[in-house]
Amino acid sequence: MPKENLLFQLDNKEFQYHKLNYSLRYFNPRFHTTKLIKNANKHSKNSQKNNKKLKGVSLDELFDELTALKKEILNKKLYRLCLKFNSKIDNMPNDKNSAEDKIILKQLVLNRFMKSLKKKFKKYTAEYGQDLTEMDENAIPNPFKNYEDWITDKDMIKELESNLNVKKLDDVSKASKEINKVISKLYQDKSLKLVMSEFEDGMDVFLNINRGVKKVERKELQTKNDQEVYDDGHNEYNESKYAANDDEDYAEYDNMIANSDEEEDDDDKNYTPTRSTLPELEHGFIDTYDAESEEELDREMKQEKPEKKKKNRRGQRERRLIWEKKYGRTANHVQKKIQEETANKLERQKAYEERVVKRFEREQEYRDKQHAKIQKAKEYASKEFHPSWEAKRIQEEKTKNVKFQGKKVTF
């Protein structure tokens, strides 16, 4: 059975809903085929098929189908993601991490997933939260501007808790320093990084956001998110446990700072540094003074011509690439290649046709032989033979069909 493309179904159903609701201005198709259907002519086959599908369909039914489909897609994505992290945490050695530590690790992972999901839905509201009714009172409101119409934070937490088999950790300070180190190593794991990036890319397609983000920018965002996760893993513990000891840690340096201020001169005390804004260099600083520049100055003074450097001729491949860019299919080497390919194709076609003709001749010859055998057998059966020959033939036929009645003796 072929795998169902749920995202494509979601795209089609959203298009149908917007068409019934007369709010196609809000619809931004995910796939090229849906875009073609949206931009199709009224009398085209695609539009006629869609009109047939939409007959007898209500907006409430479509909205319920969309809600169920969205929940199914999101639950499948969360299940795959939690499965990877679950297996990774469960396969950790028991001598280093106890069962309670693993539960706390899963709770921290749950908090991390919720944080990334909130970011995605925040981006969704930023892109699709705007409404044309702000500019035009008669305009139709955006039916999908609130993601909370089909899912809430409680639903997401419930789904994550069922997949990870833990409850959400409200107080992050319960995590010890060792657990924070383990969770930071876990986030740096290559396989989990790949799974997390695939999940985020899938969420972008699912929510139809970050369409214009380039791959380089995505990598930068990914590294930035990883750094934030690493910092959160350390800072959450440090802020909770060591915030009270900040004054004690820096108390011993107070006298040193005071003495250093007393030793400063009066001129230094009255000095107030001013920050000047300098123009930025576009290409950086280039030092033009070098040995070659001196030689050039000497030549100019003596009015000598500079030595001509021999230019190496480009290679054949490089020249061919230049010709392809310049002339395209009309380049000589491209035309020769096309001619050779067409000649080879004609030769193969000719050889194939000859083989087909020979095969047909052999089949016809075999059919003729079989037909001759059948005719010969018919003629033989219709002939009248001498009674003695006929009796002999009947006797031979009877002896052929006689069963063995003796005993088999083995020596």
Protein backbone atom coordinates (compact mmCIF):
# COMPACT_ATOMS: atom_id res chain seq x y z
CA MET A 1 0.00 0.00 0.00
CA PRO A 2 1.40 3.47 -0.84
CA LYS A 3 1.98 5.82 2.07
CA GLU A 4 -0.66 8.53 2.57
CA ASN A 5 0.56 12.08 2.13
CA LEU A 6 -1.30 13.75 4.98
CA LEU A 7 0.26 17.17 4.34
CA PHE A 8 -1.02 17.12 0.76
CA GLN A 9 -4.49 16.19 2.02
CA LEU A 10 -4.28 19.07 4.52
CA ASP A 11 -3.31 21.48 1.74
CA ASN A 12 -6.26 20.37 -0.40
CA LYS A 13 -8.77 20.57 2.46
CA GLU A 14 -7.57 24.06 3.44
CA PHE A 15 -8.00 25.15 -0.18
CA GLN A 16 -11.53 23.71 -0.25
CA TYR A 17 -12.42 25.43 3.04
CA HIS A 18 -11.13 28.81 1.84
CA LYS A 19 -12.99 28.39 -1.46
CA LEU A 20 -16.28 27.63 0.29
CA ASN A 21 -15.66 30.48 2.75
CA TYR A 22 -14.67 32.94 -0.06
CA SER A 23 -11.39 33.66 1.76
CA LEU A 24 -8.84 32.45 -0.80
CA ARG A 25 -6.77 35.59 -0.23
CA TYR A 26 -5.58 34.05 3.05
CA PHE A 27 -4.61 30.73 1.44
CA ASN A 28 -0.90 30.16 0.84
CA PRO A 29 -0.40 26.71 -0.78
CA ARG A 30 2.41 24.48 0.44
CA PHE A 31 2.83 22.42 -2.75
CA HIS A 32 3.07 23.26 -6.44
CA THR A 33 0.10 21.07 -7.42
CA THR A 34 -2.18 22.89 -4.97
CA LYS A 35 -0.95 26.18 -6.37
CA LEU A 36 -1.90 25.03 -9.89
CA ILE A 37 -5.38 24.03 -8.64
CA LYS A 38 -5.79 27.42 -6.95
CA ASN A 39 -4.73 29.36 -10.07
CA ALA A 40 -6.69 27.12 -12.48
CA ASN A 41 -9.20 28.59 -14.91
CA LYS A 42 -12.92 28.33 -14.12
CA HIS A 43 -13.58 26.05 -17.10
CA SER A 44 -10.56 23.78 -16.53
CA LYS A 45 -10.80 20.12 -15.45
CA ASN A 46 -9.24 20.78 -12.04
CA SER A 47 -11.74 23.46 -11.10
CA GLN A 48 -14.66 21.31 -12.32
CA LYS A 49 -13.44 18.36 -10.22
CA ASN A 50 -13.15 20.57 -7.14
CA ASN A 51 -16.63 21.99 -7.69
CA LYS A 52 -18.03 18.44 -7.83
CA LYS A 53 -16.23 17.52 -4.59
CA LEU A 54 -17.53 20.62 -2.80
CA LYS A 55 -21.17 19.90 -3.63
CA GLY A 56 -23.06 18.96 -0.47
CA VAL A 57 -20.09 19.75 1.83
CA SER A 58 -20.59 22.14 4.76
CA LEU A 59 -18.00 24.42 6.37
CA ASP A 60 -18.47 22.83 9.80
CA GLU A 61 -17.77 19.33 8.47
CA LEU A 62 -14.67 20.56 6.64
CA PHE A 63 -13.42 22.37 9.74
CA ASP A 64 -13.85 19.22 11.84
CA GLU A 65 -11.95 17.18 9.23
CA LEU A 66 -9.16 19.77 9.17
CA THR A 67 -8.91 19.78 12.97
CA ALA A 68 -8.71 15.97 13.11
CA LEU A 69 -6.12 15.88 10.30
CA LYS A 70 -3.94 18.54 11.93
CA LYS A 71 -4.01 16.74 15.27
CA GLU A 72 -3.11 13.46 13.57
CA ILE A 73 -0.11 14.98 11.76
CA LEU A 74 1.17 16.75 14.90
CA ASN A 75 0.71 13.63 17.07
CA LYS A 76 2.66 11.51 14.56
CA LYS A 77 5.52 14.02 14.47
CA LEU A 78 5.65 14.21 18.29
CA TYR A 79 5.49 10.41 18.58
CA ARG A 80 8.49 9.91 16.26
CA LEU A 81 10.49 12.60 18.06
CA CYS A 82 9.72 11.28 21.56
CA LEU A 83 10.47 7.70 20.45
CA LYS A 84 14.06 8.63 19.52
CA PHE A 85 14.72 10.52 22.75
CA ASN A 86 13.02 7.81 24.83
CA SER A 87 15.19 5.04 23.38
CA LYS A 88 18.34 7.14 23.81
CA ILE A 89 17.61 7.86 27.48
CA ASP A 90 16.47 4.29 28.27
CA ASN A 91 19.66 2.83 26.74
CA MET A 92 21.89 4.92 28.99
CA PRO A 93 24.01 2.86 31.46
CA ASN A 94 22.23 2.26 34.78
CA ASP A 95 25.40 2.51 36.87
CA LYS A 96 25.78 6.22 36.07
CA ASN A 97 22.09 7.21 35.89
CA SER A 98 19.36 5.91 38.16
CA ALA A 99 15.69 5.50 37.26
CA GLU A 100 14.81 8.82 38.94
CA ASP A 101 17.52 10.65 36.97
CA LYS A 102 16.13 9.25 33.72
CA ILE A 103 12.65 10.47 34.64
CA ILE A 104 14.02 13.98 35.31
CA LEU A 105 15.91 13.83 31.97
CA LYS A 106 12.68 13.00 30.15
CA GLN A 107 10.92 15.84 31.98
CA LEU A 108 13.63 18.29 30.88
CA VAL A 109 13.29 16.98 27.32
CA LEU A 110 9.53 17.56 27.54
CA ASN A 111 10.11 21.15 28.64
CA ARG A 112 12.50 21.64 25.72
CA PHE A 113 9.93 20.29 23.22
CA MET A 114 7.24 22.57 24.61
CA LYS A 115 9.59 25.54 24.28
CA SER A 116 10.33 24.78 20.60
CA LEU A 117 6.61 24.18 19.86
CA LYS A 118 5.68 27.52 21.44
CA LYS A 119 8.29 29.24 19.25
CA LYS A 120 6.84 27.64 16.12
CA PHE A 121 3.25 28.61 16.99
CA LYS A 122 4.40 32.12 17.92
CA LYS A 123 5.92 32.42 14.44
CA TYR A 124 2.64 31.10 12.97
CA THR A 125 0.61 33.80 14.74
CA ALA A 126 3.08 36.44 13.56
CA GLU A 127 2.64 35.35 9.91
CA TYR A 128 -1.06 34.43 9.83
CA GLY A 129 -2.48 36.41 12.75
CA GLN A 130 -3.16 39.50 10.65
CA ASP A 131 -6.65 40.07 9.33
CA LEU A 132 -7.92 42.05 6.33
CA THR A 133 -10.84 43.30 8.42
CA GLU A 134 -8.45 45.80 10.03
CA MET A 135 -8.19 47.60 6.67
CA ASP A 136 -11.60 46.75 5.22
CA GLU A 137 -14.69 46.26 7.38
CA ASN A 138 -16.51 44.33 4.64
CA ALA A 139 -13.65 41.82 4.23
CA ILE A 140 -14.06 38.22 5.41
CA PRO A 141 -12.07 37.44 8.59
CA ASN A 142 -9.19 34.95 8.49
CA PRO A 143 -10.61 31.56 9.60
CA PHE A 144 -7.24 30.06 10.66
CA LYS A 145 -5.52 32.95 12.41
CA ASN A 146 -5.82 31.34 15.89
CA TYR A 147 -4.06 27.99 16.25
CA GLU A 148 -5.79 27.52 19.63
CA ASP A 149 -9.04 26.84 17.75
CA TRP A 150 -7.81 23.30 17.02
CA ILE A 151 -5.11 22.66 19.67
CA THR A 152 -4.09 24.14 23.03
CA ASP A 153 -0.97 24.02 25.17
CA LYS A 154 -2.68 21.51 27.49
CA ASP A 155 -3.31 19.14 24.56
CA MET A 156 0.34 19.33 23.49
CA ILE A 157 1.58 18.73 27.05
CA LYS A 158 -0.82 15.79 27.39
CA GLU A 159 0.43 14.24 24.13
CA LEU A 160 4.09 14.69 25.14
CA GLU A 161 3.44 13.24 28.60
CA SER A 162 1.81 10.13 27.09
CA ASN A 163 4.67 9.64 24.60
CA LEU A 164 7.47 10.14 27.16
CA ASN A 165 5.59 8.42 30.05
CA VAL A 166 6.37 11.30 32.45
CA LYS A 167 4.66 14.40 33.77
CA LYS A 168 5.77 17.96 33.02
CA LEU A 169 8.42 19.35 35.38
CA ASP A 170 7.21 22.70 36.71
CA ASP A 171 10.20 23.42 38.98
CA VAL A 172 13.42 23.19 36.94
CA SER A 173 15.59 23.77 40.03
CA LYS A 174 14.99 20.15 41.05
CA ALA A 175 17.51 19.07 38.41
CA SER A 176 20.99 18.55 39.86
CA LYS A 177 24.22 19.74 38.34
CA GLU A 178 25.10 16.26 37.04
CA ILE A 179 21.72 15.90 35.31
CA ASN A 180 22.20 19.29 33.62
CA LYS A 181 25.55 18.08 32.30
CA VAL A 182 23.94 14.89 30.97
CA ILE A 183 21.10 16.79 29.29
CA SER A 184 23.56 19.16 27.63
CA LYS A 185 25.52 16.16 26.25
CA LEU A 186 22.24 14.62 25.11
CA TYR A 187 21.33 17.72 23.10
CA GLN A 188 24.77 17.66 21.47
CA ASP A 189 24.32 14.08 20.21
CA LYS A 190 24.53 14.01 16.38
CA SER A 191 21.65 11.58 15.80
CA LEU A 192 19.32 13.52 18.12
CA LYS A 193 20.41 16.80 16.54
CA LEU A 194 19.45 15.39 13.14
CA VAL A 195 16.08 14.18 14.46
CA MET A 196 15.40 17.57 16.04
CA SER A 197 16.30 19.47 12.86
CA GLU A 198 14.06 17.15 10.78
CA PHE A 199 11.23 17.73 13.26
CA GLU A 200 11.63 21.51 13.03
CA ASP A 201 11.73 21.40 9.22
CA GLY A 202 8.61 19.21 9.23
CA MET A 203 6.86 21.67 11.56
CA ASP A 204 7.76 24.52 9.19
CA VAL A 205 6.08 22.68 6.31
CA PHE A 206 3.13 21.65 8.50
CA LEU A 207 2.49 25.19 9.80
CA ASN A 208 3.53 26.70 6.43
CA ILE A 209 6.07 29.09 7.98
CA ASN A 210 9.70 30.09 7.33
CA ARG A 211 9.22 29.57 3.59
CA GLY A 212 11.81 32.17 2.59
CA VAL A 213 14.52 31.06 5.02
CA LYS A 214 17.65 29.87 3.23
CA LYS A 215 19.62 26.76 4.20
CA VAL A 216 22.52 28.84 5.54
CA GLU A 217 20.16 30.86 7.72
CA ARG A 218 18.56 27.63 8.92
CA LYS A 219 21.95 26.29 9.97
CA GLU A 220 22.69 29.53 11.82
CA LEU A 221 19.30 29.33 13.54
CA GLN A 222 19.97 25.70 14.44
CA THR A 223 23.37 26.50 15.97
CA LYS A 224 21.83 29.42 17.82
CA ASN A 225 19.06 27.20 19.21
CA ASP A 226 21.60 24.56 20.24
CA GLN A 227 23.63 27.20 22.05
CA GLU A 228 20.47 28.45 23.79
CA VAL A 229 19.65 24.91 24.86
CA TYR A 230 23.19 24.38 26.16
CA ASP A 231 23.07 27.68 28.06
CA ASP A 232 19.62 26.90 29.45
CA GLY A 233 20.85 23.55 30.69
CA HIS A 234 23.63 25.22 32.68
CA ASN A 235 21.96 28.50 33.62
CA GLU A 236 18.77 26.95 34.94
CA TYR A 237 20.78 25.11 37.54
CA ASN A 238 23.21 27.93 38.25
CA GLU A 239 20.49 30.56 38.69
CA SER A 240 18.51 28.41 41.07
CA LYS A 241 21.32 27.02 43.21
CA TYR A 242 24.07 29.61 43.17
CA ALA A 243 22.15 32.88 43.05
CA ALA A 244 22.31 33.21 46.86
CA ASN A 245 26.11 32.81 46.91
CA ASP A 246 26.87 35.62 44.45
CA ASP A 247 27.49 38.25 47.15
CA GLU A 248 29.72 35.86 49.15
CA ASP A 249 31.81 34.99 46.07
CA TYR A 250 32.53 38.62 45.18
CA ALA A 251 32.90 39.92 48.75
CA GLU A 252 36.60 39.05 48.95
CA TYR A 253 37.35 41.23 45.89
CA ASP A 254 35.79 44.41 47.31
CA ASN A 255 38.97 45.58 49.12
CA MET A 256 41.09 44.93 46.05
CA ILE A 257 38.82 47.06 43.90
CA ALA A 258 38.82 49.88 46.47
CA ASN A 259 42.62 49.93 46.75
CA SER A 260 43.06 50.02 43.02
CA ASP A 261 40.79 53.11 42.86
CA GLU A 262 42.85 54.92 45.52
CA GLU A 263 46.11 54.34 43.63
CA GLU A 264 44.81 56.05 40.49
CA ASP A 265 46.23 59.46 39.62
CA ASP A 266 44.22 62.64 39.63
CA ASP A 267 44.56 62.96 35.87
CA ASP A 268 43.09 59.51 35.44
CA LYS A 269 40.15 60.38 37.71
CA ASN A 270 39.30 63.50 35.71
CA TYR A 271 39.65 61.64 32.39
CA THR A 272 36.37 60.73 30.73
CA PRO A 273 36.77 58.46 27.71
CA THR A 274 34.85 59.49 24.59
CA ARG A 275 33.73 56.94 22.06
CA SER A 276 34.24 58.05 18.46
CA THR A 277 32.43 56.45 15.55
CA LEU A 278 34.75 55.46 12.73
CA PRO A 279 33.62 54.59 9.21
CA GLU A 280 33.42 50.85 8.52
CA LEU A 281 35.77 49.32 5.96
CA GLU A 282 34.03 47.37 3.26
CA HIS A 283 36.94 45.15 2.22
CA GLY A 284 39.34 45.60 5.13
CA PHE A 285 42.73 47.33 5.20
CA ILE A 286 45.06 46.71 2.22
CA ASP A 287 48.73 47.51 2.59
CA THR A 288 49.95 48.76 -0.81
CA TYR A 289 53.57 49.04 0.23
CA ASP A 290 55.52 45.92 -0.71
CA ALA A 291 58.53 44.82 -2.73
CA GLU A 292 56.62 44.65 -6.01
CA SER A 293 55.41 48.24 -5.68
CA GLU A 294 59.04 49.39 -5.29
CA GLU A 295 60.04 47.54 -8.46
CA GLU A 296 57.18 49.16 -10.36
CA LEU A 297 58.27 52.64 -9.18
CA ASP A 298 61.84 51.93 -10.34
CA ARG A 299 60.56 50.86 -13.75
CA GLU A 300 58.48 54.00 -14.07
CA MET A 301 61.49 56.13 -13.19
CA LYS A 302 63.61 54.32 -15.78
CA GLN A 303 60.68 54.23 -18.25
CA GLU A 304 60.99 50.48 -18.69
CA LYS A 305 58.13 48.35 -19.84
CA PRO A 306 56.95 45.63 -17.41
CA GLU A 307 57.72 42.06 -18.29
CA LYS A 308 54.83 40.28 -19.95
CA LYS A 309 53.71 37.19 -18.07
CA LYS A 310 52.85 34.17 -20.16
CA LYS A 311 49.23 33.19 -19.89
CA ASN A 312 48.54 29.50 -19.69
CA ARG A 313 45.96 28.29 -22.15
CA ARG A 314 42.76 27.00 -20.58
CA GLY A 315 42.13 23.28 -20.57
CA GLN A 316 39.68 21.60 -22.92
CA ARG A 317 37.04 20.99 -20.25
CA GLU A 318 37.20 24.59 -19.04
CA ARG A 319 36.91 25.91 -22.60
CA ARG A 320 33.95 23.64 -23.27
CA LEU A 321 32.20 24.90 -20.15
CA ILE A 322 32.71 28.50 -21.31
CA TRP A 323 31.34 27.66 -24.77
CA GLU A 324 28.29 25.96 -23.22
CA LYS A 325 27.56 29.06 -21.12
CA LYS A 326 28.04 31.32 -24.16
CA TYR A 327 26.36 29.34 -26.97
CA GLY A 328 24.26 26.72 -25.14
CA ARG A 329 23.07 23.86 -27.36
CA THR A 330 24.54 25.50 -30.48
CA ALA A 331 28.14 24.94 -29.29
CA ASN A 332 30.15 22.72 -31.67
CA HIS A 333 31.06 20.03 -29.14
CA VAL A 334 27.45 19.85 -27.94
CA GLN A 335 26.18 19.51 -31.54
CA LYS A 336 28.73 16.74 -32.23
CA LYS A 337 27.63 14.91 -29.12
CA ILE A 338 23.96 15.21 -30.16
CA GLN A 339 24.77 13.91 -33.66
CA GLU A 340 26.67 10.92 -32.23
CA GLU A 341 23.82 10.12 -29.86
CA THR A 342 21.22 10.30 -32.68
CA ALA A 343 23.40 8.09 -34.93
CA ASN A 344 23.81 5.52 -32.14
CA LYS A 345 20.09 5.64 -31.47
CA LEU A 346 19.29 5.03 -35.17
CA GLU A 347 21.73 2.11 -35.28
CA ARG A 348 20.18 0.54 -32.18
CA GLN A 349 16.69 1.04 -33.62
CA LYS A 350 17.74 -0.59 -36.91
CA ALA A 351 19.30 -3.55 -35.10
CA TYR A 352 16.17 -3.94 -32.98
CA GLU A 353 13.92 -3.94 -36.07
CA GLU A 354 16.11 -6.60 -37.73
CA ARG A 355 15.88 -8.78 -34.61
CA VAL A 356 12.08 -8.38 -34.60
CA VAL A 357 11.85 -9.45 -38.27
CA LYS A 358 14.06 -12.53 -37.66
CA ARG A 359 12.03 -13.48 -34.59
CA PHE A 360 8.81 -13.20 -36.63
CA GLU A 361 10.27 -15.37 -39.41
CA ARG A 362 11.32 -18.05 -36.91
CA GLU A 363 7.88 -18.05 -35.29
CA GLN A 364 6.18 -18.30 -38.72
CA GLU A 365 8.45 -21.21 -39.69
CA TYR A 366 7.61 -23.00 -36.43
CA ARG A 367 3.87 -22.46 -37.00
CA ASP A 368 4.15 -23.88 -40.55
CA LYS A 369 5.93 -27.01 -39.27
CA GLN A 370 3.30 -27.57 -36.61
CA HIS A 371 0.52 -27.09 -39.14
CA ALA A 372 2.18 -29.64 -41.49
CA LYS A 373 2.46 -32.18 -38.63
CA ILE A 374 -1.23 -31.79 -37.77
CA GLN A 375 -2.25 -32.19 -41.41
CA LYS A 376 -0.07 -35.30 -41.74
CA ALA A 377 -1.61 -36.81 -38.61
CA LYS A 378 -5.13 -36.12 -39.96
CA GLU A 379 -4.31 -37.73 -43.29
CA TYR A 380 -2.81 -40.77 -41.54
CA ALA A 381 -5.91 -41.17 -39.37
CA SER A 382 -8.29 -40.93 -42.36
CA LYS A 383 -6.45 -43.64 -44.42
CA GLU A 384 -7.79 -47.24 -44.71
CA PHE A 385 -5.18 -49.85 -43.73
CA HIS A 386 -5.00 -53.64 -44.26
CA PRO A 387 -6.97 -55.56 -41.56
CA SER A 388 -3.80 -57.29 -40.32
CA TRP A 389 -2.06 -53.87 -39.83
CA GLU A 390 -5.11 -52.54 -38.02
CA ALA A 391 -5.20 -55.58 -35.72
CA LYS A 392 -1.48 -55.20 -34.98
CA ARG A 393 -1.91 -51.51 -34.13
CA ILE A 394 -4.82 -52.23 -31.76
CA GLN A 395 -2.81 -54.98 -30.05
CA GLU A 396 0.17 -52.60 -29.50
CA GLU A 397 -2.11 -49.97 -27.97
CA LYS A 398 -3.55 -52.57 -25.57
CA THR A 399 -0.09 -53.72 -24.47
CA LYS A 400 0.95 -50.15 -23.76
CA ASN A 401 -1.84 -49.61 -21.21
CA VAL A 402 -1.39 -53.00 -19.40
CA LYS A 403 -0.41 -52.61 -15.72
CA PHE A 404 2.38 -54.62 -14.13
CA GLN A 405 0.93 -57.56 -12.13
CA GLY A 406 4.04 -59.45 -11.12
CA LYS A 407 6.18 -59.23 -7.99
CA LYS A 408 9.29 -57.20 -7.75
CA VAL A 409 12.28 -59.22 -6.54
CA THR A 410 15.28 -57.48 -5.06
CA PHE A 411 18.69 -59.23 -4.76
